[in-house]
PDB file of N, CA and C in Angstrom:
ATOM      1  N   UNK A   1     -24.948 -20.583  38.880  1.00  0.00           N
ATOM      2  CA  UNK A   1     -24.567 -19.270  39.377  1.00  0.00           C
ATOM      3  C   UNK A   1     -23.664 -18.602  38.352  1.00  0.00           C
ATOM      4  N   UNK A   2     -23.988 -17.381  37.990  1.00  0.00           N
ATOM      5  CA  UNK A   2     -23.158 -16.647  37.036  1.00  0.00           C
ATOM      6  C   UNK A   2     -22.768 -15.303  37.631  1.00  0.00           C
ATOM      7  N   UNK A   3     -21.587 -14.888  37.296  1.00  0.00           N
ATOM      8  CA  UNK A   3     -21.071 -13.615  37.795  1.00  0.00           C
ATOM      9  C   UNK A   3     -20.883 -12.691  36.608  1.00  0.00           C
ATOM     10  N   UNK A   4     -21.498 -11.521  36.648  1.00  0.00           N
ATOM     11  CA  UNK A   4     -21.347 -10.550  35.578  1.00  0.00           C
ATOM     12  C   UNK A   4     -20.445  -9.419  36.039  1.00  0.00           C
ATOM     13  N   UNK A   5     -19.523  -9.061  35.182  1.00  0.00           N
ATOM     14  CA  UNK A   5     -18.605  -7.975  35.508  1.00  0.00           C
ATOM     15  C   UNK A   5     -19.003  -6.665  34.857  1.00  0.00           C
ATOM     16  N   UNK A   6     -20.090  -6.660  34.143  1.00  0.00           N
ATOM     17  CA  UNK A   6     -20.517  -5.449  33.458  1.00  0.00           C
ATOM     18  C   UNK A   6     -20.173  -5.526  31.987  1.00  0.00           C
ATOM     19  N   UNK A   7     -20.538  -4.505  31.264  1.00  0.00           N
ATOM     20  CA  UNK A   7     -20.251  -4.506  29.834  1.00  0.00           C
ATOM     21  C   UNK A   7     -18.815  -4.064  29.572  1.00  0.00           C
ATOM     22  N   UNK A   8     -18.428  -4.103  28.321  1.00  0.00           N
ATOM     23  CA  UNK A   8     -17.035  -3.825  27.956  1.00  0.00           C
ATOM     24  C   UNK A   8     -16.644  -2.387  28.235  1.00  0.00           C
ATOM     25  N   UNK A   9     -17.558  -1.450  28.057  1.00  0.00           N
ATOM     26  CA  UNK A   9     -17.177  -0.054  28.286  1.00  0.00           C
ATOM     27  C   UNK A   9     -16.948   0.214  29.765  1.00  0.00           C
ATOM     28  N   UNK A  10     -17.652  -0.482  30.643  1.00  0.00           N
ATOM     29  CA  UNK A  10     -17.426  -0.304  32.083  1.00  0.00           C
ATOM     30  C   UNK A  10     -16.023  -0.755  32.460  1.00  0.00           C
ATOM     31  N   UNK A  11     -15.540  -1.817  31.826  1.00  0.00           N
ATOM     32  CA  UNK A  11     -14.185  -2.286  32.095  1.00  0.00           C
ATOM     33  C   UNK A  11     -13.158  -1.264  31.624  1.00  0.00           C
ATOM     34  N   UNK A  12     -13.387  -0.657  30.478  1.00  0.00           N
ATOM     35  CA  UNK A  12     -12.489   0.386  29.976  1.00  0.00           C
ATOM     36  C   UNK A  12     -12.451   1.584  30.903  1.00  0.00           C
ATOM     37  N   UNK A  13     -13.617   1.988  31.397  1.00  0.00           N
ATOM     38  CA  UNK A  13     -13.667   3.114  32.332  1.00  0.00           C
ATOM     39  C   UNK A  13     -12.987   2.767  33.643  1.00  0.00           C
ATOM     40  N   UNK A  14     -13.082   1.498  34.062  1.00  0.00           N
ATOM     41  CA  UNK A  14     -12.416   1.062  35.287  1.00  0.00           C
ATOM     42  C   UNK A  14     -10.895   1.170  35.140  1.00  0.00           C
ATOM     43  N   UNK A  15     -10.372   0.756  34.000  1.00  0.00           N
ATOM     44  CA  UNK A  15      -8.928   0.862  33.756  1.00  0.00           C
ATOM     45  C   UNK A  15      -8.486   2.321  33.778  1.00  0.00           C
ATOM     46  N   UNK A  16      -9.260   3.191  33.144  1.00  0.00           N
ATOM     47  CA  UNK A  16      -8.928   4.617  33.119  1.00  0.00           C
ATOM     48  C   UNK A  16      -9.011   5.217  34.523  1.00  0.00           C
ATOM     49  N   UNK A  17      -9.990   4.793  35.324  1.00  0.00           N
ATOM     50  CA  UNK A  17     -10.117   5.308  36.694  1.00  0.00           C
ATOM     51  C   UNK A  17      -8.916   4.902  37.549  1.00  0.00           C
ATOM     52  N   UNK A  18      -8.472   3.664  37.435  1.00  0.00           N
ATOM     53  CA  UNK A  18      -7.301   3.213  38.191  1.00  0.00           C
ATOM     54  C   UNK A  18      -6.059   3.969  37.749  1.00  0.00           C
ATOM     55  N   UNK A  19      -5.910   4.181  36.437  1.00  0.00           N
ATOM     56  CA  UNK A  19      -4.764   4.929  35.928  1.00  0.00           C
ATOM     57  C   UNK A  19      -4.793   6.376  36.418  1.00  0.00           C
ATOM     58  N   UNK A  20      -5.975   6.973  36.507  1.00  0.00           N
ATOM     59  CA  UNK A  20      -6.094   8.340  37.003  1.00  0.00           C
ATOM     60  C   UNK A  20      -5.694   8.428  38.469  1.00  0.00           C
ATOM     61  N   UNK A  21      -6.144   7.468  39.269  1.00  0.00           N
ATOM     62  CA  UNK A  21      -5.772   7.453  40.685  1.00  0.00           C
ATOM     63  C   UNK A  21      -4.265   7.292  40.836  1.00  0.00           C
ATOM     64  N   UNK A  22      -3.674   6.414  40.029  1.00  0.00           N
ATOM     65  CA  UNK A  22      -2.225   6.223  40.088  1.00  0.00           C
ATOM     66  C   UNK A  22      -1.474   7.486  39.662  1.00  0.00           C
ATOM     67  N   UNK A  23      -1.986   8.187  38.647  1.00  0.00           N
ATOM     68  CA  UNK A  23      -1.308   9.405  38.193  1.00  0.00           C
ATOM     69  C   UNK A  23      -1.409  10.509  39.242  1.00  0.00           C
ATOM     70  N   UNK A  24      -2.518  10.574  39.972  1.00  0.00           N
ATOM     71  CA  UNK A  24      -2.629  11.544  41.065  1.00  0.00           C
ATOM     72  C   UNK A  24      -1.601  11.238  42.145  1.00  0.00           C
ATOM     73  N   UNK A  25      -1.414   9.955  42.438  1.00  0.00           N
ATOM     74  CA  UNK A  25      -0.396   9.559  43.407  1.00  0.00           C
ATOM     75  C   UNK A  25       1.010   9.909  42.947  1.00  0.00           C
ATOM     76  N   UNK A  26       1.280   9.756  41.662  1.00  0.00           N
ATOM     77  CA  UNK A  26       2.601  10.106  41.123  1.00  0.00           C
ATOM     78  C   UNK A  26       2.824  11.610  41.221  1.00  0.00           C
ATOM     79  N   UNK A  27       1.811  12.400  40.892  1.00  0.00           N
ATOM     80  CA  UNK A  27       1.938  13.861  40.979  1.00  0.00           C
ATOM     81  C   UNK A  27       2.157  14.292  42.428  1.00  0.00           C
ATOM     82  N   UNK A  28       1.421  13.683  43.358  1.00  0.00           N
ATOM     83  CA  UNK A  28       1.578  13.991  44.781  1.00  0.00           C
ATOM     84  C   UNK A  28       2.995  13.664  45.254  1.00  0.00           C
ATOM     85  N   UNK A  29       3.499  12.515  44.838  1.00  0.00           N
ATOM     86  CA  UNK A  29       4.857  12.111  45.212  1.00  0.00           C
ATOM     87  C   UNK A  29       5.887  13.059  44.619  1.00  0.00           C
ATOM     88  N   UNK A  30       5.668  13.475  43.381  1.00  0.00           N
ATOM     89  CA  UNK A  30       6.590  14.397  42.713  1.00  0.00           C
ATOM     90  C   UNK A  30       6.636  15.740  43.444  1.00  0.00           C
ATOM     91  N   UNK A  31       5.492  16.218  43.888  1.00  0.00           N
ATOM     92  CA  UNK A  31       5.449  17.509  44.585  1.00  0.00           C
ATOM     93  C   UNK A  31       6.118  17.455  45.955  1.00  0.00           C
ATOM     94  N   UNK A  32       6.175  16.263  46.550  1.00  0.00           N
ATOM     95  CA  UNK A  32       6.858  16.116  47.826  1.00  0.00           C
ATOM     96  C   UNK A  32       8.361  15.862  47.639  1.00  0.00           C
ATOM     97  N   UNK A  33       8.840  15.950  46.400  1.00  0.00           N
ATOM     98  CA  UNK A  33      10.252  15.753  46.059  1.00  0.00           C
ATOM     99  C   UNK A  33      10.765  14.381  46.480  1.00  0.00           C
ATOM    100  N   UNK A  34       9.947  13.368  46.315  1.00  0.00           N
ATOM    101  CA  UNK A  34      10.368  12.004  46.577  1.00  0.00           C
ATOM    102  C   UNK A  34      10.652  11.305  45.253  1.00  0.00           C
ATOM    103  N   UNK A  35      11.386  10.232  45.322  1.00  0.00           N
ATOM    104  CA  UNK A  35      11.761   9.505  44.110  1.00  0.00           C
ATOM    105  C   UNK A  35      10.546   8.795  43.507  1.00  0.00           C
ATOM    106  N   UNK A  36      10.443   8.867  42.208  1.00  0.00           N
ATOM    107  CA  UNK A  36       9.380   8.188  41.476  1.00  0.00           C
ATOM    108  C   UNK A  36      10.043   7.155  40.572  1.00  0.00           C
ATOM    109  N   UNK A  37       9.604   5.914  40.689  1.00  0.00           N
ATOM    110  CA  UNK A  37      10.160   4.882  39.825  1.00  0.00           C
ATOM    111  C   UNK A  37       9.557   5.025  38.435  1.00  0.00           C
ATOM    112  N   UNK A  38      10.412   4.929  37.438  1.00  0.00           N
ATOM    113  CA  UNK A  38       9.993   5.120  36.055  1.00  0.00           C
ATOM    114  C   UNK A  38       8.996   4.055  35.621  1.00  0.00           C
ATOM    115  N   UNK A  39       9.061   2.869  36.216  1.00  0.00           N
ATOM    116  CA  UNK A  39       8.141   1.799  35.820  1.00  0.00           C
ATOM    117  C   UNK A  39       6.696   2.153  36.166  1.00  0.00           C
ATOM    118  N   UNK A  40       6.489   2.950  37.224  1.00  0.00           N
ATOM    119  CA  UNK A  40       5.128   3.354  37.567  1.00  0.00           C
ATOM    120  C   UNK A  40       4.573   4.356  36.554  1.00  0.00           C
ATOM    121  N   UNK A  41       5.424   5.248  36.076  1.00  0.00           N
ATOM    122  CA  UNK A  41       4.996   6.213  35.059  1.00  0.00           C
ATOM    123  C   UNK A  41       4.638   5.476  33.773  1.00  0.00           C
ATOM    124  N   UNK A  42       5.474   4.516  33.371  1.00  0.00           N
ATOM    125  CA  UNK A  42       5.174   3.727  32.175  1.00  0.00           C
ATOM    126  C   UNK A  42       3.890   2.914  32.354  1.00  0.00           C
ATOM    127  N   UNK A  43       3.684   2.387  33.550  1.00  0.00           N
ATOM    128  CA  UNK A  43       2.472   1.598  33.809  1.00  0.00           C
ATOM    129  C   UNK A  43       1.219   2.450  33.658  1.00  0.00           C
ATOM    130  N   UNK A  44       1.258   3.685  34.148  1.00  0.00           N
ATOM    131  CA  UNK A  44       0.102   4.575  34.021  1.00  0.00           C
ATOM    132  C   UNK A  44      -0.161   4.922  32.561  1.00  0.00           C
ATOM    133  N   UNK A  45       0.890   5.217  31.817  1.00  0.00           N
ATOM    134  CA  UNK A  45       0.722   5.541  30.393  1.00  0.00           C
ATOM    135  C   UNK A  45       0.132   4.354  29.647  1.00  0.00           C
ATOM    136  N   UNK A  46       0.648   3.166  29.916  1.00  0.00           N
ATOM    137  CA  UNK A  46       0.137   1.966  29.247  1.00  0.00           C
ATOM    138  C   UNK A  46      -1.319   1.713  29.632  1.00  0.00           C
ATOM    139  N   UNK A  47      -1.659   1.934  30.893  1.00  0.00           N
ATOM    140  CA  UNK A  47      -3.051   1.731  31.326  1.00  0.00           C
ATOM    141  C   UNK A  47      -3.993   2.715  30.640  1.00  0.00           C
ATOM    142  N   UNK A  48      -3.573   3.974  30.494  1.00  0.00           N
ATOM    143  CA  UNK A  48      -4.406   4.945  29.774  1.00  0.00           C
ATOM    144  C   UNK A  48      -4.609   4.512  28.320  1.00  0.00           C
ATOM    145  N   UNK A  49      -3.539   4.069  27.677  1.00  0.00           N
ATOM    146  CA  UNK A  49      -3.639   3.648  26.273  1.00  0.00           C
ATOM    147  C   UNK A  49      -4.561   2.436  26.147  1.00  0.00           C
ATOM    148  N   UNK A  50      -4.402   1.462  27.022  1.00  0.00           N
ATOM    149  CA  UNK A  50      -5.241   0.259  26.961  1.00  0.00           C
ATOM    150  C   UNK A  50      -6.697   0.607  27.251  1.00  0.00           C
ATOM    151  N   UNK A  51      -6.944   1.465  28.241  1.00  0.00           N
ATOM    152  CA  UNK A  51      -8.315   1.860  28.563  1.00  0.00           C
ATOM    153  C   UNK A  51      -8.992   2.589  27.429  1.00  0.00           C
ATOM    154  N   UNK A  52      -8.287   3.513  26.797  1.00  0.00           N
ATOM    155  CA  UNK A  52      -8.872   4.257  25.674  1.00  0.00           C
ATOM    156  C   UNK A  52      -9.083   3.342  24.482  1.00  0.00           C
ATOM    157  N   UNK A  53      -8.116   2.474  24.213  1.00  0.00           N
ATOM    158  CA  UNK A  53      -8.259   1.520  23.105  1.00  0.00           C
ATOM    159  C   UNK A  53      -9.446   0.597  23.360  1.00  0.00           C
ATOM    160  N   UNK A  54      -9.616   0.151  24.596  1.00  0.00           N
ATOM    161  CA  UNK A  54     -10.728  -0.717  24.954  1.00  0.00           C
ATOM    162  C   UNK A  54     -12.067  -0.015  24.718  1.00  0.00           C
ATOM    163  N   UNK A  55     -12.134   1.270  25.099  1.00  0.00           N
ATOM    164  CA  UNK A  55     -13.381   2.015  24.897  1.00  0.00           C
ATOM    165  C   UNK A  55     -13.693   2.209  23.412  1.00  0.00           C
ATOM    166  N   UNK A  56     -12.657   2.464  22.617  1.00  0.00           N
ATOM    167  CA  UNK A  56     -12.881   2.683  21.195  1.00  0.00           C
ATOM    168  C   UNK A  56     -13.248   1.396  20.471  1.00  0.00           C
ATOM    169  N   UNK A  57     -12.684   0.273  20.902  1.00  0.00           N
ATOM    170  CA  UNK A  57     -12.993  -1.001  20.243  1.00  0.00           C
ATOM    171  C   UNK A  57     -14.355  -1.546  20.637  1.00  0.00           C
ATOM    172  N   UNK A  58     -14.775  -1.298  21.847  1.00  0.00           N
ATOM    173  CA  UNK A  58     -16.058  -1.871  22.306  1.00  0.00           C
ATOM    174  C   UNK A  58     -17.057  -0.766  22.414  1.00  0.00           C
TER     175      UNK A  58
END
């Protein structure tokens, strides 16, 4: 039995999609004037960088 997760570009797009969903949540929270933890903003930026780097390398 083998499990395939898809090709490398699909994984890069998945990372970018998760980062986009997280950034929408951060923007929504910001508009409601609630506190945003800085670690979440850094996590989204890092995820975008890793996703784009993954797409360019593969």
